[in-house]
Structures are given as structure tokens and as C-alpha cells.
Protein backbone atom coordinates (compact mmCIF):
# COMPACT_ATOMS: atom_id res chain seq x y z
CA MET A 1 -35.40 30.59 8.72
CA SER A 2 -36.92 28.59 11.52
CA LEU A 3 -40.05 26.46 11.26
CA GLN A 4 -41.41 25.91 14.76
CA VAL A 5 -44.30 23.54 14.06
CA LEU A 6 -43.66 21.98 17.46
CA PRO A 7 -41.14 22.90 20.13
CA GLY A 8 -37.77 21.53 19.08
CA PHE A 9 -38.90 20.79 15.50
CA ASP A 10 -35.69 22.16 13.97
CA GLU A 11 -33.58 20.06 16.32
CA LEU A 12 -35.65 16.96 15.55
CA VAL A 13 -35.10 17.38 11.81
CA ALA A 14 -31.38 17.99 12.34
CA ALA A 15 -31.01 14.81 14.41
CA MET A 16 -32.73 12.48 11.95
CA PRO A 17 -30.33 9.90 10.44
CA VAL A 18 -32.03 10.01 7.02
CA ALA A 19 -31.83 12.90 4.57
CA MET A 20 -34.71 15.34 5.22
CA LEU A 21 -35.68 18.62 3.57
CA VAL A 22 -38.45 20.93 4.74
CA VAL A 23 -40.08 22.77 1.84
CA ASP A 24 -42.40 25.81 1.86
CA PRO A 25 -45.53 26.22 -0.30
CA GLY A 26 -43.47 27.85 -3.02
CA GLY A 27 -41.24 24.78 -3.32
CA ARG A 28 -38.27 26.45 -1.60
CA ILE A 29 -36.08 24.63 0.95
CA VAL A 30 -36.40 25.97 4.47
CA LEU A 31 -34.52 23.33 6.48
CA ALA A 32 -31.93 20.70 5.48
CA ASN A 33 -30.42 18.31 7.95
CA ALA A 34 -26.84 16.98 8.09
CA ALA A 35 -27.81 13.73 6.36
CA SER A 36 -29.20 15.67 3.37
CA GLU A 37 -26.04 17.81 3.24
CA ALA A 38 -23.93 14.66 3.03
CA LEU A 39 -26.22 13.05 0.43
CA LEU A 40 -26.66 16.06 -1.86
CA ASN A 41 -23.14 17.44 -1.32
CA PHE A 42 -24.43 20.95 -0.57
CA SER A 43 -24.47 22.82 2.73
CA GLU A 44 -27.77 23.82 4.36
CA ARG A 45 -26.87 27.46 3.81
CA ALA A 46 -26.44 26.85 0.04
CA MET A 47 -29.81 25.05 -0.16
CA THR A 48 -31.93 27.31 2.05
CA GLY A 49 -34.22 29.53 0.00
CA GLN A 50 -33.54 27.59 -3.22
CA ASP A 51 -36.10 25.64 -5.25
CA ILE A 52 -36.04 21.97 -4.29
CA ASP A 53 -36.12 21.03 -7.96
CA ALA A 54 -32.54 22.32 -8.25
CA PHE A 55 -31.43 19.57 -5.88
CA VAL A 56 -33.97 16.75 -6.46
CA ARG A 57 -34.53 16.30 -10.21
CA PHE A 58 -37.29 14.00 -11.44
CA ASP A 59 -38.16 12.89 -14.94
CA GLN A 60 -41.11 14.65 -16.54
CA GLY A 61 -43.51 11.93 -15.48
CA PHE A 62 -43.21 13.00 -11.80
CA ALA A 63 -43.87 16.71 -12.48
CA ASP A 64 -47.30 16.64 -10.76
CA ARG A 65 -46.07 14.88 -7.61
CA ARG A 66 -47.21 17.73 -5.29
CA LYS A 67 -50.89 17.48 -6.33
CA GLY A 68 -51.62 14.74 -3.82
CA ARG A 69 -51.30 14.86 -0.06
CA THR A 70 -48.48 12.34 0.05
CA PHE A 71 -46.13 11.21 -2.70
CA ALA A 72 -43.85 8.18 -2.51
CA ALA A 73 -41.50 6.66 -5.08
CA TYR A 74 -39.27 3.70 -4.42
CA ASP A 75 -36.17 2.62 -6.28
CA VAL A 76 -36.56 5.25 -9.02
CA GLU A 77 -33.84 7.07 -10.92
CA ILE A 78 -33.58 10.76 -9.96
CA GLY A 79 -30.92 13.44 -9.99
CA LEU A 80 -29.56 14.36 -6.57
CA GLY A 81 -27.45 17.41 -5.85
CA ARG A 82 -23.98 17.27 -7.31
CA ILE A 83 -23.77 13.45 -7.55
CA GLY A 84 -25.94 13.11 -10.65
CA ARG A 85 -28.55 10.45 -11.35
CA VAL A 86 -28.89 7.62 -8.86
CA ARG A 87 -31.57 5.18 -7.74
CA ALA A 88 -33.32 6.29 -4.57
CA ASP A 89 -36.45 6.16 -2.44
CA LEU A 90 -38.35 9.42 -1.88
CA VAL A 91 -41.34 10.24 0.34
CA GLU A 92 -42.92 13.70 0.32
CA CYS A 93 -45.71 14.39 2.83
CA ASP A 94 -47.58 17.38 4.21
CA ILE A 95 -46.81 18.97 7.58
CA PRO A 96 -49.93 18.97 9.78
CA GLU A 97 -51.36 22.48 10.44
CA ARG A 98 -49.02 23.97 7.85
CA PRO A 99 -50.93 23.88 4.55
CA GLY A 100 -48.66 23.59 1.57
CA TRP A 101 -45.53 22.83 3.61
CA THR A 102 -43.92 19.43 3.09
CA ILE A 103 -41.18 17.22 4.43
CA VAL A 104 -39.13 15.34 1.84
CA THR A 105 -37.08 12.30 2.91
CA LEU A 106 -34.49 10.74 0.65
CA ARG A 107 -32.59 7.47 0.77
CA THR A 108 -30.37 6.08 -1.95
CA THR A 109 -30.85 2.39 -2.73
CA PRO A 110 -27.24 1.17 -3.02
CA GLY A 111 -28.19 -2.49 -3.21
CA GLY A 112 -30.56 -1.88 -6.11
CA ARG A 113 -33.59 -4.04 -6.65
CA ALA A 114 -33.78 -7.51 -5.22
CA PRO A 115 -32.92 -10.15 -7.82
CA ASP A 116 -36.02 -11.56 -9.48
CA ARG A 117 -36.69 -14.95 -10.96
CA ARG A 118 -35.51 -13.82 -14.39
CA ALA A 119 -32.09 -13.06 -12.94
CA SER A 120 -31.94 -16.48 -11.34
CA ALA A 121 -32.97 -18.14 -14.58
CA ARG A 122 -30.41 -16.13 -16.51
CA ALA A 123 -27.72 -17.20 -14.04
CA ALA A 124 -28.67 -20.87 -14.40
CA ILE A 125 -28.73 -20.71 -18.18
CA GLY A 126 -25.48 -18.79 -18.22
CA ALA A 127 -23.86 -21.38 -15.95
CA ALA A 128 -24.81 -24.19 -18.27
CA ALA A 129 -23.64 -22.35 -21.38
CA MET A 130 -20.38 -21.23 -19.84
CA LEU A 131 -19.50 -24.65 -18.49
CA ALA A 132 -20.40 -26.32 -21.77
CA HIS A 133 -18.13 -23.90 -23.67
CA GLU A 134 -15.24 -23.68 -21.24
CA ILE A 135 -14.93 -27.40 -20.47
CA LYS A 136 -16.01 -28.91 -23.78
CA ASN A 137 -13.38 -27.05 -25.81
CA PRO A 138 -10.31 -28.11 -23.78
CA LEU A 139 -11.66 -31.65 -23.47
CA SER A 140 -11.94 -31.80 -27.26
CA GLY A 141 -8.32 -30.76 -27.54
CA ILE A 142 -7.21 -33.31 -24.97
CA ARG A 143 -9.10 -36.07 -26.79
CA GLY A 144 -7.52 -35.13 -30.09
CA ALA A 145 -4.05 -35.03 -28.53
CA ALA A 146 -4.57 -38.45 -26.95
CA GLN A 147 -5.60 -39.88 -30.35
CA LEU A 148 -2.43 -38.47 -31.94
CA LEU A 149 -0.30 -39.92 -29.19
CA GLY A 150 -1.89 -43.27 -29.87
CA ASP A 151 -0.92 -42.90 -33.50
CA GLY A 152 2.70 -42.15 -32.61
CA GLY A 153 2.58 -38.34 -32.93
CA GLY A 154 5.06 -35.87 -31.38
CA ALA A 155 4.86 -36.70 -27.65
CA SER A 156 6.43 -33.50 -26.31
CA THR A 157 4.12 -31.08 -28.08
CA LEU A 158 1.00 -33.10 -27.41
CA THR A 159 1.68 -33.68 -23.73
CA SER A 160 2.26 -29.92 -23.38
CA LEU A 161 -1.13 -29.27 -24.98
CA ILE A 162 -2.82 -31.73 -22.65
CA THR A 163 -1.17 -30.13 -19.62
CA THR A 164 -2.21 -26.62 -20.71
CA GLU A 165 -5.84 -27.57 -21.29
CA VAL A 166 -6.12 -29.48 -18.05
CA ASP A 167 -4.71 -26.46 -16.25
CA ARG A 168 -7.38 -24.32 -17.86
CA ILE A 169 -10.12 -26.57 -16.54
CA ALA A 170 -8.53 -26.60 -13.06
CA ALA A 171 -8.34 -22.79 -13.06
CA LEU A 172 -12.00 -22.51 -14.02
CA ILE A 173 -13.01 -24.89 -11.24
CA ASP A 174 -10.90 -22.93 -8.77
CA ARG A 175 -12.75 -19.76 -9.68
CA MET A 176 -16.10 -21.51 -9.28
CA GLN A 177 -15.02 -22.75 -5.85
CA ASP A 178 -14.35 -19.17 -4.72
CA PHE A 179 -18.13 -18.82 -4.41
CA THR A 180 -18.46 -21.84 -2.13
CA ASP A 181 -15.79 -20.75 0.35
CA THR A 182 -17.72 -20.08 3.57
CA ARG A 183 -14.74 -19.51 5.82
CA PRO A 184 -15.06 -16.14 7.64
CA LEU A 185 -12.66 -13.43 6.60
CA ARG A 186 -10.16 -12.02 9.10
CA LEU A 187 -11.51 -8.51 9.61
CA GLU A 188 -9.34 -5.84 11.20
CA GLY A 189 -8.96 -2.08 11.18
CA ARG A 190 -6.81 -1.10 8.19
CA ASN A 191 -5.74 2.12 6.51
CA VAL A 192 -7.05 1.61 3.00
CA TYR A 193 -4.54 3.90 1.30
CA PRO A 194 -1.56 1.46 1.24
CA LEU A 195 -3.90 -1.09 -0.35
CA LEU A 196 -5.05 1.48 -2.94
CA ASP A 197 -1.41 2.35 -3.69
CA HIS A 198 -0.60 -1.31 -4.23
CA VAL A 199 -3.58 -1.80 -6.53
CA ARG A 200 -2.66 1.26 -8.56
CA GLU A 201 0.95 0.11 -9.00
CA VAL A 202 -0.14 -3.38 -10.04
CA ALA A 203 -2.54 -1.87 -12.57
CA ARG A 204 0.08 0.54 -13.96
CA ALA A 205 2.57 -2.25 -14.34
CA GLY A 206 0.16 -4.53 -16.15
CA PHE A 207 -3.40 -4.32 -17.43
CA ALA A 208 -3.76 -0.52 -17.16
CA ARG A 209 -0.26 0.58 -18.10
CA ASP A 210 -1.55 2.97 -20.78
CA VAL A 211 -4.54 4.36 -18.84
CA PRO A 212 -4.20 7.46 -16.61
CA ILE A 213 -5.23 6.62 -13.03
CA ASP A 214 -6.16 9.73 -11.00
CA GLU A 215 -6.93 10.07 -7.29
CA ARG A 216 -9.49 12.02 -5.28
CA PHE A 217 -8.90 10.99 -1.69
CA ASP A 218 -10.35 12.14 1.64
CA PRO A 219 -7.22 12.68 3.75
CA SER A 220 -9.19 12.25 7.00
CA LEU A 221 -10.61 8.84 6.19
CA PRO A 222 -10.48 6.61 9.30
CA PRO A 223 -9.47 2.92 9.23
CA ALA A 224 -11.96 0.52 7.67
CA LEU A 225 -12.96 -2.90 9.02
CA VAL A 226 -11.69 -5.18 6.22
CA ASP A 227 -9.74 -8.26 5.26
CA ALA A 228 -6.70 -6.77 3.51
CA ASP A 229 -6.32 -9.58 0.96
CA ALA A 230 -10.05 -9.63 0.13
CA LEU A 231 -10.22 -5.84 -0.29
CA THR A 232 -7.12 -5.90 -2.49
CA GLN A 233 -8.72 -8.54 -4.69
CA VAL A 234 -11.95 -6.54 -4.88
CA LEU A 235 -10.14 -3.36 -5.93
CA LEU A 236 -7.95 -5.15 -8.46
CA ASN A 237 -11.02 -6.72 -10.04
CA LEU A 238 -12.81 -3.37 -10.25
CA VAL A 239 -9.82 -1.51 -11.68
CA LYS A 240 -9.22 -4.28 -14.20
CA ASN A 241 -12.92 -4.16 -15.13
CA ALA A 242 -12.60 -0.39 -15.59
CA ALA A 243 -9.51 -0.72 -17.77
CA GLU A 244 -11.20 -3.28 -19.99
CA ALA A 245 -14.28 -1.06 -20.31
CA LEU A 246 -12.08 1.71 -21.80
CA ASP A 247 -11.06 -0.33 -24.83
CA GLY A 248 -11.78 1.82 -27.88
CA VAL A 249 -12.71 4.89 -25.79
CA GLU A 250 -11.02 8.14 -26.87
CA ASP A 251 -10.75 9.79 -23.42
CA ARG A 252 -9.54 6.86 -21.31
CA ARG A 253 -9.34 7.65 -17.62
CA ILE A 254 -9.79 5.89 -14.28
CA LEU A 255 -10.37 7.68 -11.01
CA LEU A 256 -9.90 6.18 -7.54
CA ALA A 257 -11.86 8.12 -4.93
CA THR A 258 -12.62 7.87 -1.21
CA ALA A 259 -15.13 9.62 0.98
CA TYR A 260 -16.67 9.43 4.45
CA ARG A 261 -20.46 9.26 4.28
CA HIS A 262 -22.08 10.31 7.55
CA GLY A 263 -25.33 8.51 8.21
CA MET A 264 -24.89 5.89 5.49
CA ALA A 265 -26.26 2.53 6.64
CA ALA A 266 -27.41 -0.56 4.81
CA SER A 267 -27.82 -4.33 5.11
CA ALA A 268 -25.17 -6.43 3.38
CA ALA A 269 -27.76 -9.06 2.48
CA PRO A 270 -31.48 -9.80 3.04
CA GLY A 271 -32.14 -10.79 6.65
CA LEU A 272 -29.01 -9.13 8.03
CA PRO A 273 -29.23 -6.02 10.23
CA ARG A 274 -28.52 -2.57 8.86
CA LEU A 275 -25.00 -1.44 9.73
CA PRO A 276 -23.28 1.93 9.39
CA LEU A 277 -21.20 1.84 6.18
CA PRO A 278 -19.52 5.27 6.08
CA ILE A 279 -16.25 4.28 4.33
CA GLU A 280 -16.67 4.74 0.59
CA ILE A 281 -14.13 3.64 -2.03
CA SER A 282 -15.06 4.34 -5.65
CA VAL A 283 -13.58 3.13 -8.92
CA ILE A 284 -14.78 5.46 -11.71
CA ASP A 285 -14.10 5.21 -15.38
CA SER A 286 -14.97 7.15 -18.56
CA GLY A 287 -16.22 4.08 -20.42
CA PRO A 288 -19.69 3.46 -21.81
CA GLY A 289 -20.97 1.40 -18.86
CA ALA A 290 -22.87 -1.87 -18.86
CA PRO A 291 -25.57 -2.60 -21.46
CA ALA A 292 -28.91 -1.38 -20.14
CA ASP A 293 -30.51 -4.83 -20.29
CA ILE A 294 -28.03 -6.30 -17.80
CA ALA A 295 -27.24 -3.26 -15.62
CA ASP A 296 -29.54 -4.42 -12.81
CA ASP A 297 -28.04 -7.94 -12.78
CA LEU A 298 -24.31 -7.16 -12.97
CA PHE A 299 -23.57 -8.84 -9.66
CA GLU A 300 -25.37 -12.05 -10.64
CA PRO A 301 -23.11 -14.96 -11.66
CA PHE A 302 -22.62 -15.57 -15.40
CA VAL A 303 -23.99 -12.15 -16.40
CA SER A 304 -21.48 -10.25 -18.52
CA GLY A 305 -21.46 -7.53 -21.16
CA LYS A 306 -18.12 -8.66 -22.58
CA ALA A 307 -17.97 -10.88 -25.62
CA GLU A 308 -15.49 -13.23 -23.89
CA GLY A 309 -16.68 -12.56 -20.35
CA ARG A 310 -17.56 -15.39 -17.99
CA GLY A 311 -19.54 -13.21 -15.58
CA LEU A 312 -17.60 -14.29 -12.49
CA GLY A 313 -15.58 -11.20 -11.59
CA LEU A 314 -18.28 -8.88 -10.27
CA PRO A 315 -20.24 -11.57 -8.40
CA LEU A 316 -17.00 -12.51 -6.65
CA VAL A 317 -16.44 -8.82 -5.79
CA ALA A 318 -19.97 -8.69 -4.34
CA LYS A 319 -19.38 -11.85 -2.30
CA LEU A 320 -16.09 -10.61 -0.82
CA VAL A 321 -17.54 -7.20 0.02
CA ARG A 322 -20.61 -8.85 1.58
CA ASP A 323 -18.34 -11.09 3.66
CA MET A 324 -16.73 -7.92 5.03
CA GLY A 325 -20.20 -6.64 6.02
CA GLY A 326 -20.33 -4.10 3.19
CA ILE A 327 -22.04 -3.56 -0.13
CA VAL A 328 -20.90 -2.73 -3.67
CA THR A 329 -23.02 -0.75 -6.15
CA TYR A 330 -22.99 0.18 -9.80
CA ALA A 331 -24.22 3.49 -11.22
CA ARG A 332 -23.93 5.82 -14.21
CA GLU A 333 -23.51 9.36 -12.92
CA GLY A 334 -22.48 12.89 -13.79
CA GLU A 335 -22.16 14.85 -17.00
CA PRO A 336 -20.49 13.56 -19.05
CA ARG A 337 -21.70 10.20 -17.80
CA ARG A 338 -19.23 7.99 -15.99
CA THR A 339 -19.33 4.45 -14.62
CA VAL A 340 -19.04 4.33 -10.80
CA PHE A 341 -18.52 1.21 -8.69
CA ARG A 342 -18.82 2.11 -5.01
CA VAL A 343 -17.59 -0.14 -2.19
CA LEU A 344 -19.19 0.82 1.14
CA LEU A 345 -17.52 -0.57 4.25
CA GLN A 346 -17.73 -0.45 8.03
CA ARG A 347 -15.52 1.82 10.06
CA ALA A 348 -13.11 0.04 12.39
CA LYS A 349 -13.77 0.53 16.07
CA THR A 350 -11.15 2.49 17.95
């Protein structure tokens, strides 16, 4: 069905880089552009004539959204197409001279909400607590060992203890220094699949040896603009995080997936320009996900849902991905619900 509000209207909708749906007065989809096909994972043919509520699913509180002339919701959780519940921006407005007809635009919010002051305060408090715990304990052991040495205790055992505890402090400081490294990464076009193979083999040989690791790869994925070492570290951290999240879960499973997202663009950090980020690498697990009270702050330093966690792994992942010009996101999606970490990267120029 064609909707010729103005000459070339269909072509204009089709060319828009954001997901757009044109909806008739009965709530049925009339037009769907390529960006909406990519976002919702349905073809225009499959969506045309269907009720929009089958593809854009709001909570009950938004049921009356069509009563006003224009409806807008930003950074809200909605169900989209086949991908499940995500956070997104939505604007629904009337089409002039077509009473009851609307245009719906959709944009996922991969970066989530901007960190607020509570997140910063939590990070500062967490830093103090973590440093007090991690450094005070080994220093106490070193002090005790030194006292025993002074009393003529077993030198070999005590010097070994001192060495071990000093090494623990040094390792912690090294990890902290990762966040202050401002040297630019060496970005180049790389096929990500050899890196994924390496990460999978490392995981199978060590921390995920008893967890099935499946694949769902796009065979036509072009080279990504990455630093190979940084991306390997990112993926290892995410797979290790996924394996640890499956502790005590009956159906333990990790999925590595890739996809090419046409029209996906975002800013890696506030103040930076939006860049196309079509290369998607996902690490998906069947675990319970992060506690709800920290889900929005997972990429903040010293925020962790693990009893023994230091809250440094995911912030380092975010930093490395940001240094490659990309973004990393967390979501709970699908039925049954799964944890999804998505790394979105630039495509290498050819």
C-alpha cells in the first residue's frame, strides 16, 4: 500500500536513517523503512497490514498513548520485534492532512542513561571500601610476617608470604592503572572471527571448560576497525563474566553472536560525534543477570553484583571499547530471559 501524502513520501521514509513506521487510523502498519526492518528483525512485507502493537510492545501504563496529538517517550523499556525488551526512544506524531495516521520513529538507547551523581558517589565510596579491604589485608599479613622474622621465625615461609602479598598489591595497582592509560590504541581493519575463535578456545581450556559455548555468526560480516589485543581482552572479560554468572544455574549456556546492523550509529562518549557502528558482537548467557539496583551502573568502577567482585572488569571493557570508538551495552532480553552484552564497533574502511 502506498501513502502519497506528498510526492516522493514513500521514498523519503525509505531513505531515513532512523527506524520509521507509518500507521493507519486502525493501528496497522502501512510503511516500514529499512532501518525499522533491521531494528525489529522483520521484513516490511511481514509487517505491512499488521497491528503495530505486535511489533512495539509497551507496558500497560502507555496504553492510551494515541489519545494525544503527539506522544514521546525517552529511554523507556519496550518490547521490539523479535529482539525482546530493550531501552529505546519513541516518538509518535500525526501526519498533517491525514487524520488518524501517524509516523512512529524508534531508536534504541545503547548507552543507557547518563551516569548521575548517585553513580559517581557510589563509585567513590566503592573505591574507598575496595582499596581499604584489598590493601589493608595483605599489609596486615606482611606486618605479622615481619614481626615473626624479628622473633626468629621460619624465614623461608615468611618471606614467601611477604612476596605473595606484595605481588597482590602490585597486581591491584596495575589493574587500577589500566584506567589511566591514555595512549591511543592501534586501530586497524581486522576479521573478528579469528579473535573470537581464540577467546572461545581460551575459555574452553580454563574458566568455562564445563560450559557449552555456541555460535551464531553472520558469515558476511566485514572487517571491524579495532585493536586486536584490546578486543581480545574485552571478549575474554565478557565471556569470563558470563561463565561466572552461570554458577548454580541449571541450564548453563553461553552464546557468541555477530550481526551487521545497518543504520546503527552512536557516540562513544558525551561530546564525541555520532559514528556508524554496524559491527555487533554479542556475548549472551542464560544466567540471572545483574541485580536490578545496579543494572544501570554496571559500567561504573567499583560497582559489582558479585560477593567477591571488585567492579573493575566491566568498566575496563567499556573503556577499551570506547577507545576503539565503539560502545558496549547490557540488556536482559528474550523469553526465557537472557543476559546480553553487545559490543558495537566501526566498520573498517576498504
